[in-house]
Amino acid sequence: MTVDVVISGAGPNGLMLACELSLAGIRPIVLERLPEPSEEPKANGLLGQVVQLVDRRGLYER
């Protein structure tokens, strides 16, 4: 397996970064220390440039 970027953490930011890099033709790998998804919420809201990025991808509804 060949990767261009290693991302530490599969939370909302790490996964969004991985998706954006993939769309740009960069091959990321996401490393997560937890063996399964957490029961606790990781993102309680979206702020700043993240909102613009999500909207640009058509994933944000007002």
N, C-alpha and C. Protein backbone atom coordinates (compact mmCIF):
# COMPACT_ATOMS: atom_id res chain seq x y z
N MET A 1 0.85 -1.17 0.00
CA MET A 1 0.00 0.00 0.00
C MET A 1 0.90 1.24 0.00
N THR A 2 0.59 2.17 -0.87
CA THR A 2 1.33 3.42 -0.94
C THR A 2 0.41 4.56 -0.52
N VAL A 3 0.88 5.37 0.42
CA VAL A 3 0.11 6.52 0.87
C VAL A 3 0.97 7.77 0.78
N ASP A 4 0.31 8.91 0.66
CA ASP A 4 1.01 10.19 0.59
C ASP A 4 0.99 10.93 1.92
N VAL A 5 -0.09 10.71 2.70
CA VAL A 5 -0.28 11.45 3.95
C VAL A 5 -0.84 10.50 5.01
N VAL A 6 -0.33 10.63 6.23
CA VAL A 6 -0.87 9.89 7.37
C VAL A 6 -1.65 10.88 8.22
N ILE A 7 -2.90 10.53 8.52
CA ILE A 7 -3.76 11.37 9.36
C ILE A 7 -3.98 10.65 10.67
N SER A 8 -3.71 11.33 11.76
CA SER A 8 -3.87 10.75 13.09
C SER A 8 -5.25 11.11 13.64
N GLY A 9 -6.11 10.12 13.78
CA GLY A 9 -7.43 10.34 14.36
C GLY A 9 -8.54 10.31 13.33
N ALA A 10 -9.55 9.49 13.60
CA ALA A 10 -10.68 9.34 12.70
C ALA A 10 -11.91 10.08 13.21
N GLY A 11 -11.68 11.23 13.82
CA GLY A 11 -12.79 12.08 14.24
C GLY A 11 -13.30 12.87 13.04
N PRO A 12 -14.21 13.79 13.29
CA PRO A 12 -14.79 14.57 12.18
C PRO A 12 -13.74 15.30 11.34
N ASN A 13 -12.76 15.91 11.99
CA ASN A 13 -11.74 16.66 11.25
C ASN A 13 -10.84 15.74 10.44
N GLY A 14 -10.39 14.65 11.04
CA GLY A 14 -9.52 13.72 10.34
C GLY A 14 -10.20 13.08 9.14
N LEU A 15 -11.46 12.71 9.30
CA LEU A 15 -12.18 12.09 8.19
C LEU A 15 -12.48 13.08 7.08
N MET A 16 -12.82 14.32 7.44
CA MET A 16 -13.08 15.34 6.42
C MET A 16 -11.80 15.64 5.66
N LEU A 17 -10.68 15.73 6.38
CA LEU A 17 -9.40 15.96 5.73
C LEU A 17 -9.07 14.83 4.77
N ALA A 18 -9.29 13.60 5.19
CA ALA A 18 -9.02 12.45 4.33
C ALA A 18 -9.87 12.51 3.06
N CYS A 19 -11.12 12.88 3.20
CA CYS A 19 -12.00 12.98 2.03
C CYS A 19 -11.53 14.06 1.07
N GLU A 20 -11.18 15.22 1.61
CA GLU A 20 -10.72 16.32 0.76
C GLU A 20 -9.43 15.96 0.05
N LEU A 21 -8.50 15.34 0.76
CA LEU A 21 -7.25 14.93 0.13
C LEU A 21 -7.50 13.91 -0.98
N SER A 22 -8.40 12.98 -0.74
CA SER A 22 -8.73 11.98 -1.75
C SER A 22 -9.30 12.62 -3.01
N LEU A 23 -10.16 13.60 -2.82
CA LEU A 23 -10.74 14.30 -3.97
C LEU A 23 -9.68 15.04 -4.77
N ALA A 24 -8.58 15.41 -4.10
CA ALA A 24 -7.49 16.12 -4.77
C ALA A 24 -6.45 15.16 -5.36
N GLY A 25 -6.72 13.85 -5.27
CA GLY A 25 -5.81 12.87 -5.83
C GLY A 25 -4.68 12.45 -4.92
N ILE A 26 -4.75 12.86 -3.66
CA ILE A 26 -3.73 12.50 -2.67
C ILE A 26 -4.23 11.29 -1.90
N ARG A 27 -3.35 10.33 -1.67
CA ARG A 27 -3.74 9.08 -1.02
C ARG A 27 -3.46 9.14 0.48
N PRO A 28 -4.50 9.39 1.30
CA PRO A 28 -4.30 9.44 2.75
C PRO A 28 -4.57 8.08 3.40
N ILE A 29 -4.03 7.92 4.59
CA ILE A 29 -4.42 6.81 5.45
C ILE A 29 -4.75 7.42 6.80
N VAL A 30 -5.85 6.97 7.40
CA VAL A 30 -6.29 7.48 8.69
C VAL A 30 -5.99 6.41 9.75
N LEU A 31 -5.25 6.80 10.77
CA LEU A 31 -4.95 5.90 11.88
C LEU A 31 -5.76 6.32 13.10
N GLU A 32 -6.43 5.36 13.71
CA GLU A 32 -7.26 5.62 14.89
C GLU A 32 -6.90 4.60 15.96
N ARG A 33 -6.69 5.07 17.17
CA ARG A 33 -6.30 4.14 18.25
C ARG A 33 -7.46 3.37 18.83
N LEU A 34 -8.68 3.89 18.70
CA LEU A 34 -9.84 3.19 19.24
C LEU A 34 -10.26 2.07 18.30
N PRO A 35 -10.60 0.90 18.82
CA PRO A 35 -10.96 -0.23 17.96
C PRO A 35 -12.36 -0.13 17.33
N GLU A 36 -13.21 0.74 17.86
CA GLU A 36 -14.57 0.89 17.31
C GLU A 36 -15.03 2.33 17.55
N PRO A 37 -16.10 2.75 16.87
CA PRO A 37 -16.59 4.12 17.06
C PRO A 37 -16.95 4.39 18.52
N SER A 38 -16.68 5.63 18.95
CA SER A 38 -16.97 6.05 20.32
C SER A 38 -18.47 6.27 20.51
N GLU A 39 -18.93 6.05 21.71
CA GLU A 39 -20.33 6.33 22.05
C GLU A 39 -20.55 7.82 22.31
N GLU A 40 -19.45 8.55 22.54
CA GLU A 40 -19.54 9.98 22.86
C GLU A 40 -19.47 10.81 21.58
N PRO A 41 -20.29 11.86 21.49
CA PRO A 41 -20.22 12.73 20.31
C PRO A 41 -18.88 13.44 20.24
N LYS A 42 -18.36 13.59 19.04
CA LYS A 42 -17.06 14.24 18.84
C LYS A 42 -17.20 15.67 18.31
N ALA A 43 -18.29 15.98 17.69
CA ALA A 43 -18.48 17.32 17.14
C ALA A 43 -19.90 17.78 17.46
N ASN A 44 -20.00 18.80 18.27
CA ASN A 44 -21.32 19.30 18.65
C ASN A 44 -21.78 20.47 17.79
N GLY A 45 -20.94 20.91 16.88
CA GLY A 45 -21.30 22.01 16.01
C GLY A 45 -20.21 22.27 15.00
N LEU A 46 -20.54 23.02 13.97
CA LEU A 46 -19.58 23.38 12.94
C LEU A 46 -19.37 24.88 12.97
N LEU A 47 -18.11 25.30 12.87
CA LEU A 47 -17.77 26.72 12.94
C LEU A 47 -16.83 27.11 11.82
N GLY A 48 -16.83 28.38 11.49
CA GLY A 48 -15.84 28.97 10.61
C GLY A 48 -15.73 28.35 9.24
N GLN A 49 -14.50 28.11 8.83
CA GLN A 49 -14.22 27.64 7.48
C GLN A 49 -14.74 26.24 7.23
N VAL A 50 -14.95 25.48 8.29
CA VAL A 50 -15.49 24.13 8.11
C VAL A 50 -16.88 24.21 7.49
N VAL A 51 -17.68 25.18 7.91
CA VAL A 51 -19.03 25.35 7.37
C VAL A 51 -18.95 25.64 5.88
N GLN A 52 -18.02 26.50 5.47
CA GLN A 52 -17.85 26.82 4.05
C GLN A 52 -17.43 25.59 3.26
N LEU A 53 -16.54 24.80 3.82
CA LEU A 53 -16.07 23.60 3.15
C LEU A 53 -17.20 22.58 2.97
N VAL A 54 -17.96 22.37 4.02
CA VAL A 54 -19.08 21.42 3.96
C VAL A 54 -20.13 21.91 2.95
N ASP A 55 -20.38 23.22 2.94
CA ASP A 55 -21.34 23.79 2.01
C ASP A 55 -20.84 23.64 0.57
N ARG A 56 -19.56 23.85 0.34
CA ARG A 56 -18.99 23.71 -1.00
C ARG A 56 -19.18 22.29 -1.54
N ARG A 57 -19.21 21.33 -0.67
CA ARG A 57 -19.40 19.93 -1.07
C ARG A 57 -20.88 19.55 -1.14
N GLY A 58 -21.78 20.50 -0.87
CA GLY A 58 -23.20 20.23 -0.96
C GLY A 58 -23.74 19.43 0.21
N LEU A 59 -23.04 19.49 1.34
CA LEU A 59 -23.43 18.69 2.51
C LEU A 59 -24.06 19.52 3.61
N TYR A 60 -24.19 20.80 3.40
CA TYR A 60 -24.70 21.70 4.45
C TYR A 60 -26.04 22.29 4.03
N GLU A 61 -27.02 22.11 4.87
CA GLU A 61 -28.34 22.70 4.62
C GLU A 61 -28.64 23.69 5.72
N ARG A 62 -29.11 24.84 5.35
CA ARG A 62 -29.43 25.86 6.36
C ARG A 62 -30.74 25.52 7.05
